[in-house]
Amino acid sequence: MQRGESRLRAGRETVPVEELDGRLILNDGQSRALASLLRGEIGIRACWEDERLDWEEYGVGIDWCLTVGTRSAADRQDRIILAWEYETAWISRCQSMREIRAQQRGAEERR
């Protein structure tokens, strides 16, 4: 995998990765990685993330995962949930975190 390799060139089952705090992370495609594992595949194609993302925000999400013992797709095998549960358990939590961070940034800017 080379930096700059596009997701489209790399293939449909490609997941974007980035190094964050010395760890290689999937910043998208966790469900694809788990599905690949459950199909018995031993790997999944990856490419370096090419979008500019809020890595501080991603760091918060990674910390949440580490706190509950999720370090890889394999750790999610016994945690498969329905889409609405995902919306409540993860998406809502992320949106709340973003709102809190926006309020904090606003308070800092007013100082």
N, C-alpha and C. Protein backbone atom coordinates (compact mmCIF):
# COMPACT_ATOMS: atom_id res chain seq x y z
N MET A 1 0.85 -1.18 0.00
CA MET A 1 0.00 0.00 0.00
C MET A 1 0.89 1.23 0.00
N GLN A 2 0.66 2.12 -0.90
CA GLN A 2 1.42 3.35 -1.00
C GLN A 2 0.55 4.53 -0.64
N ARG A 3 1.14 5.52 0.04
CA ARG A 3 0.38 6.74 0.31
C ARG A 3 -0.04 7.36 -1.01
N GLY A 4 -1.26 7.86 -1.04
CA GLY A 4 -1.76 8.49 -2.25
C GLY A 4 -2.50 7.52 -3.17
N GLU A 5 -2.41 6.22 -2.91
CA GLU A 5 -3.15 5.25 -3.72
C GLU A 5 -4.64 5.51 -3.53
N SER A 6 -5.37 5.65 -4.61
CA SER A 6 -6.78 6.00 -4.48
C SER A 6 -7.62 4.79 -4.10
N ARG A 7 -8.71 5.06 -3.39
CA ARG A 7 -9.63 3.98 -3.02
C ARG A 7 -10.23 3.32 -4.25
N LEU A 8 -10.51 4.11 -5.28
CA LEU A 8 -11.12 3.55 -6.48
C LEU A 8 -10.16 2.62 -7.20
N ARG A 9 -8.92 3.02 -7.33
CA ARG A 9 -7.93 2.16 -7.97
C ARG A 9 -7.66 0.92 -7.15
N ALA A 10 -7.71 1.07 -5.84
CA ALA A 10 -7.36 -0.04 -4.96
C ALA A 10 -8.43 -1.12 -4.94
N GLY A 11 -9.68 -0.79 -5.23
CA GLY A 11 -10.74 -1.80 -5.28
C GLY A 11 -11.92 -1.50 -4.38
N ARG A 12 -13.02 -2.17 -4.64
CA ARG A 12 -14.26 -1.93 -3.91
C ARG A 12 -14.16 -2.28 -2.44
N GLU A 13 -13.50 -3.35 -2.11
CA GLU A 13 -13.42 -3.81 -0.73
C GLU A 13 -12.23 -3.18 0.01
N THR A 14 -11.86 -2.02 -0.40
CA THR A 14 -10.73 -1.33 0.20
C THR A 14 -11.21 -0.46 1.36
N VAL A 15 -10.46 -0.47 2.44
CA VAL A 15 -10.79 0.37 3.58
C VAL A 15 -9.68 1.40 3.78
N PRO A 16 -10.06 2.63 4.12
CA PRO A 16 -9.05 3.67 4.34
C PRO A 16 -8.45 3.55 5.74
N VAL A 17 -7.14 3.72 5.81
CA VAL A 17 -6.43 3.65 7.08
C VAL A 17 -5.60 4.91 7.27
N GLU A 18 -5.23 5.15 8.51
CA GLU A 18 -4.37 6.28 8.86
C GLU A 18 -3.61 5.90 10.12
N GLU A 19 -2.48 6.50 10.30
CA GLU A 19 -1.75 6.32 11.55
C GLU A 19 -2.16 7.42 12.51
N LEU A 20 -2.56 7.02 13.70
CA LEU A 20 -3.01 7.98 14.71
C LEU A 20 -2.37 7.58 16.03
N ASP A 21 -1.58 8.46 16.59
CA ASP A 21 -0.89 8.19 17.86
C ASP A 21 -0.10 6.88 17.82
N GLY A 22 0.54 6.63 16.69
CA GLY A 22 1.39 5.44 16.57
C GLY A 22 0.65 4.15 16.27
N ARG A 23 -0.67 4.23 16.06
CA ARG A 23 -1.47 3.04 15.75
C ARG A 23 -2.05 3.18 14.35
N LEU A 24 -2.07 2.09 13.62
CA LEU A 24 -2.72 2.07 12.32
C LEU A 24 -4.20 1.81 12.57
N ILE A 25 -5.06 2.72 12.11
CA ILE A 25 -6.50 2.60 12.38
C ILE A 25 -7.30 2.59 11.08
N LEU A 26 -8.44 1.92 11.13
CA LEU A 26 -9.44 2.03 10.07
C LEU A 26 -10.31 3.21 10.45
N ASN A 27 -10.40 4.22 9.61
CA ASN A 27 -11.28 5.32 9.96
C ASN A 27 -12.62 5.19 9.26
N ASP A 28 -12.78 4.14 8.47
CA ASP A 28 -14.04 3.81 7.83
C ASP A 28 -13.90 2.35 7.40
N GLY A 29 -15.02 1.66 7.22
CA GLY A 29 -14.95 0.31 6.71
C GLY A 29 -14.85 -0.78 7.76
N GLN A 30 -15.13 -0.44 9.02
CA GLN A 30 -15.06 -1.45 10.07
C GLN A 30 -16.02 -2.60 9.80
N SER A 31 -17.22 -2.29 9.30
CA SER A 31 -18.20 -3.34 9.01
C SER A 31 -17.73 -4.20 7.84
N ARG A 32 -17.10 -3.59 6.83
CA ARG A 32 -16.55 -4.37 5.71
C ARG A 32 -15.44 -5.28 6.19
N ALA A 33 -14.61 -4.78 7.09
CA ALA A 33 -13.52 -5.60 7.63
C ALA A 33 -14.08 -6.78 8.42
N LEU A 34 -15.11 -6.54 9.22
CA LEU A 34 -15.72 -7.61 10.00
C LEU A 34 -16.38 -8.63 9.08
N ALA A 35 -17.10 -8.16 8.06
CA ALA A 35 -17.74 -9.08 7.11
C ALA A 35 -16.70 -9.94 6.41
N SER A 36 -15.58 -9.36 6.05
CA SER A 36 -14.49 -10.10 5.42
C SER A 36 -13.98 -11.20 6.36
N LEU A 37 -13.80 -10.85 7.60
CA LEU A 37 -13.34 -11.81 8.61
C LEU A 37 -14.35 -12.94 8.78
N LEU A 38 -15.63 -12.59 8.86
CA LEU A 38 -16.67 -13.60 9.05
C LEU A 38 -16.80 -14.53 7.83
N ARG A 39 -16.41 -14.04 6.64
CA ARG A 39 -16.40 -14.89 5.45
C ARG A 39 -15.18 -15.80 5.41
N GLY A 40 -14.30 -15.65 6.40
CA GLY A 40 -13.12 -16.50 6.45
C GLY A 40 -11.91 -15.95 5.72
N GLU A 41 -12.01 -14.73 5.24
CA GLU A 41 -10.88 -14.12 4.55
C GLU A 41 -9.82 -13.74 5.57
N ILE A 42 -8.57 -13.77 5.17
CA ILE A 42 -7.49 -13.48 6.13
C ILE A 42 -7.00 -12.04 6.06
N GLY A 43 -7.55 -11.26 5.17
CA GLY A 43 -7.14 -9.87 5.07
C GLY A 43 -8.11 -9.06 4.24
N ILE A 44 -7.91 -7.78 4.23
CA ILE A 44 -8.72 -6.86 3.42
C ILE A 44 -7.77 -5.80 2.87
N ARG A 45 -8.05 -5.35 1.66
CA ARG A 45 -7.19 -4.35 1.04
C ARG A 45 -7.37 -3.01 1.74
N ALA A 46 -6.31 -2.28 1.87
CA ALA A 46 -6.35 -0.98 2.54
C ALA A 46 -5.62 0.05 1.69
N CYS A 47 -5.99 1.29 1.90
CA CYS A 47 -5.29 2.41 1.27
C CYS A 47 -5.17 3.51 2.31
N TRP A 48 -4.19 4.36 2.14
CA TRP A 48 -4.04 5.49 3.06
C TRP A 48 -5.19 6.44 2.88
N GLU A 49 -5.70 6.98 3.97
CA GLU A 49 -6.78 7.97 3.94
C GLU A 49 -6.29 9.18 3.15
N ASP A 50 -7.13 9.65 2.22
CA ASP A 50 -6.73 10.81 1.41
C ASP A 50 -7.59 12.04 1.70
N GLU A 51 -8.50 11.94 2.65
CA GLU A 51 -9.33 13.09 3.01
C GLU A 51 -8.78 13.74 4.28
N ARG A 52 -9.00 15.04 4.38
CA ARG A 52 -8.62 15.75 5.60
C ARG A 52 -9.75 15.59 6.60
N LEU A 53 -9.46 14.93 7.70
CA LEU A 53 -10.47 14.65 8.72
C LEU A 53 -10.06 15.28 10.04
N ASP A 54 -10.99 15.35 10.96
CA ASP A 54 -10.72 15.85 12.30
C ASP A 54 -10.13 14.70 13.13
N TRP A 55 -8.81 14.60 13.12
CA TRP A 55 -8.15 13.47 13.78
C TRP A 55 -8.26 13.53 15.29
N GLU A 56 -8.44 14.72 15.85
CA GLU A 56 -8.69 14.82 17.29
C GLU A 56 -10.02 14.14 17.62
N GLU A 57 -11.02 14.39 16.79
CA GLU A 57 -12.33 13.75 16.96
C GLU A 57 -12.21 12.23 16.81
N TYR A 58 -11.49 11.79 15.80
CA TYR A 58 -11.29 10.35 15.62
C TYR A 58 -10.58 9.75 16.82
N GLY A 59 -9.66 10.50 17.41
CA GLY A 59 -8.95 10.02 18.59
C GLY A 59 -9.90 9.75 19.75
N VAL A 60 -10.92 10.59 19.90
CA VAL A 60 -11.92 10.37 20.94
C VAL A 60 -12.65 9.05 20.68
N GLY A 61 -13.06 8.83 19.44
CA GLY A 61 -13.74 7.58 19.08
C GLY A 61 -12.85 6.36 19.30
N ILE A 62 -11.58 6.48 18.97
CA ILE A 62 -10.64 5.37 19.20
C ILE A 62 -10.53 5.09 20.69
N ASP A 63 -10.46 6.13 21.50
CA ASP A 63 -10.40 5.94 22.95
C ASP A 63 -11.65 5.22 23.46
N TRP A 64 -12.83 5.58 22.93
CA TRP A 64 -14.06 4.88 23.32
C TRP A 64 -13.94 3.39 23.01
N CYS A 65 -13.45 3.08 21.80
CA CYS A 65 -13.30 1.68 21.40
C CYS A 65 -12.33 0.94 22.31
N LEU A 66 -11.19 1.55 22.58
CA LEU A 66 -10.19 0.90 23.43
C LEU A 66 -10.73 0.66 24.84
N THR A 67 -11.54 1.61 25.33
CA THR A 67 -12.12 1.48 26.67
C THR A 67 -12.98 0.23 26.81
N VAL A 68 -13.69 -0.15 25.75
CA VAL A 68 -14.55 -1.34 25.81
C VAL A 68 -13.85 -2.58 25.25
N GLY A 69 -12.56 -2.47 24.95
CA GLY A 69 -11.79 -3.64 24.51
C GLY A 69 -11.83 -3.92 23.02
N THR A 70 -12.26 -2.95 22.23
CA THR A 70 -12.27 -3.14 20.78
C THR A 70 -10.99 -2.59 20.19
N ARG A 71 -10.15 -3.50 19.70
CA ARG A 71 -8.87 -3.12 19.11
C ARG A 71 -8.77 -3.54 17.65
N SER A 72 -9.70 -4.39 17.21
CA SER A 72 -9.70 -4.85 15.82
C SER A 72 -11.10 -5.30 15.44
N ALA A 73 -11.29 -5.57 14.15
CA ALA A 73 -12.59 -6.06 13.67
C ALA A 73 -12.95 -7.36 14.38
N ALA A 74 -11.98 -8.18 14.68
CA ALA A 74 -12.24 -9.47 15.34
C ALA A 74 -12.90 -9.26 16.70
N ASP A 75 -12.59 -8.17 17.37
CA ASP A 75 -13.18 -7.88 18.68
C ASP A 75 -14.67 -7.56 18.59
N ARG A 76 -15.18 -7.33 17.38
CA ARG A 76 -16.59 -6.97 17.20
C ARG A 76 -17.47 -8.16 16.85
N GLN A 77 -16.89 -9.36 16.72
CA GLN A 77 -17.67 -10.53 16.29
C GLN A 77 -18.87 -10.80 17.19
N ASP A 78 -18.73 -10.58 18.46
CA ASP A 78 -19.82 -10.84 19.41
C ASP A 78 -20.62 -9.57 19.73
N ARG A 79 -20.39 -8.51 18.96
CA ARG A 79 -21.06 -7.23 19.22
C ARG A 79 -21.82 -6.74 18.00
N ILE A 80 -22.33 -7.64 17.19
CA ILE A 80 -23.09 -7.25 16.00
C ILE A 80 -24.47 -6.77 16.46
N ILE A 81 -24.83 -5.57 16.02
CA ILE A 81 -26.10 -4.97 16.44
C ILE A 81 -26.90 -4.54 15.23
N LEU A 82 -28.17 -4.24 15.45
CA LEU A 82 -29.04 -3.76 14.39
C LEU A 82 -28.72 -2.31 14.05
N ALA A 83 -29.13 -1.88 12.86
CA ALA A 83 -28.82 -0.53 12.38
C ALA A 83 -29.34 0.54 13.35
N TRP A 84 -30.57 0.39 13.86
CA TRP A 84 -31.11 1.41 14.77
C TRP A 84 -30.33 1.45 16.07
N GLU A 85 -29.82 0.29 16.51
CA GLU A 85 -28.99 0.27 17.73
C GLU A 85 -27.68 1.00 17.48
N TYR A 86 -27.13 0.83 16.28
CA TYR A 86 -25.90 1.52 15.89
C TYR A 86 -26.13 3.03 15.90
N GLU A 87 -27.27 3.45 15.35
CA GLU A 87 -27.60 4.89 15.33
C GLU A 87 -27.62 5.45 16.75
N THR A 88 -28.22 4.71 17.67
CA THR A 88 -28.32 5.17 19.06
C THR A 88 -26.98 5.07 19.78
N ALA A 89 -26.34 3.92 19.64
CA ALA A 89 -25.14 3.65 20.41
C ALA A 89 -23.92 4.41 19.92
N TRP A 90 -23.81 4.65 18.63
CA TRP A 90 -22.58 5.25 18.12
C TRP A 90 -22.82 6.61 17.49
N ILE A 91 -23.70 6.68 16.51
CA ILE A 91 -23.90 7.94 15.78
C ILE A 91 -24.37 9.04 16.71
N SER A 92 -25.35 8.78 17.56
CA SER A 92 -25.84 9.80 18.49
C SER A 92 -24.73 10.25 19.44
N ARG A 93 -23.94 9.28 19.89
CA ARG A 93 -22.83 9.61 20.80
C ARG A 93 -21.81 10.51 20.10
N CYS A 94 -21.52 10.20 18.84
CA CYS A 94 -20.57 11.02 18.08
C CYS A 94 -21.12 12.42 17.85
N GLN A 95 -22.41 12.53 17.53
CA GLN A 95 -23.01 13.84 17.32
C GLN A 95 -22.98 14.67 18.60
N SER A 96 -23.24 14.03 19.73
CA SER A 96 -23.17 14.74 21.02
C SER A 96 -21.76 15.24 21.28
N MET A 97 -20.79 14.40 21.00
CA MET A 97 -19.39 14.78 21.20
C MET A 97 -19.03 15.97 20.30
N ARG A 98 -19.49 15.96 19.06
CA ARG A 98 -19.21 17.07 18.14
C ARG A 98 -19.84 18.37 18.64
N GLU A 99 -21.06 18.28 19.15
CA GLU A 99 -21.73 19.47 19.68
C GLU A 99 -20.98 20.03 20.89
N ILE A 100 -20.54 19.16 21.78
CA ILE A 100 -19.78 19.59 22.96
C ILE A 100 -18.48 20.24 22.53
N ARG A 101 -17.78 19.62 21.57
CA ARG A 101 -16.52 20.19 21.09
C ARG A 101 -16.74 21.55 20.44
N ALA A 102 -17.84 21.71 19.69
CA ALA A 102 -18.14 23.00 19.05
C ALA A 102 -18.41 24.07 20.11
N GLN A 103 -19.13 23.71 21.17
CA GLN A 103 -19.37 24.65 22.27
C GLN A 103 -18.06 25.04 22.95
N GLN A 104 -17.19 24.06 23.16
CA GLN A 104 -15.90 24.35 23.79
C GLN A 104 -15.06 25.28 22.93
N ARG A 105 -15.05 25.02 21.60
CA ARG A 105 -14.29 25.88 20.70
C ARG A 105 -14.86 27.30 20.72
N GLY A 106 -16.19 27.41 20.74
CA GLY A 106 -16.83 28.73 20.80
C GLY A 106 -16.47 29.48 22.06
N ALA A 107 -16.44 28.77 23.20
CA ALA A 107 -16.07 29.40 24.48
C ALA A 107 -14.63 29.86 24.45
N GLU A 108 -13.76 29.05 23.83
CA GLU A 108 -12.34 29.43 23.75
C GLU A 108 -12.14 30.64 22.87
N GLU A 109 -12.91 30.74 21.77
CA GLU A 109 -12.79 31.87 20.86
C GLU A 109 -13.28 33.17 21.50
N ARG A 110 -14.24 33.08 22.42
CA ARG A 110 -14.78 34.27 23.08
C ARG A 110 -13.83 34.81 24.16
N ARG A 111 -12.87 34.02 24.56
CA ARG A 111 -11.93 34.47 25.61
C ARG A 111 -10.96 35.48 25.12
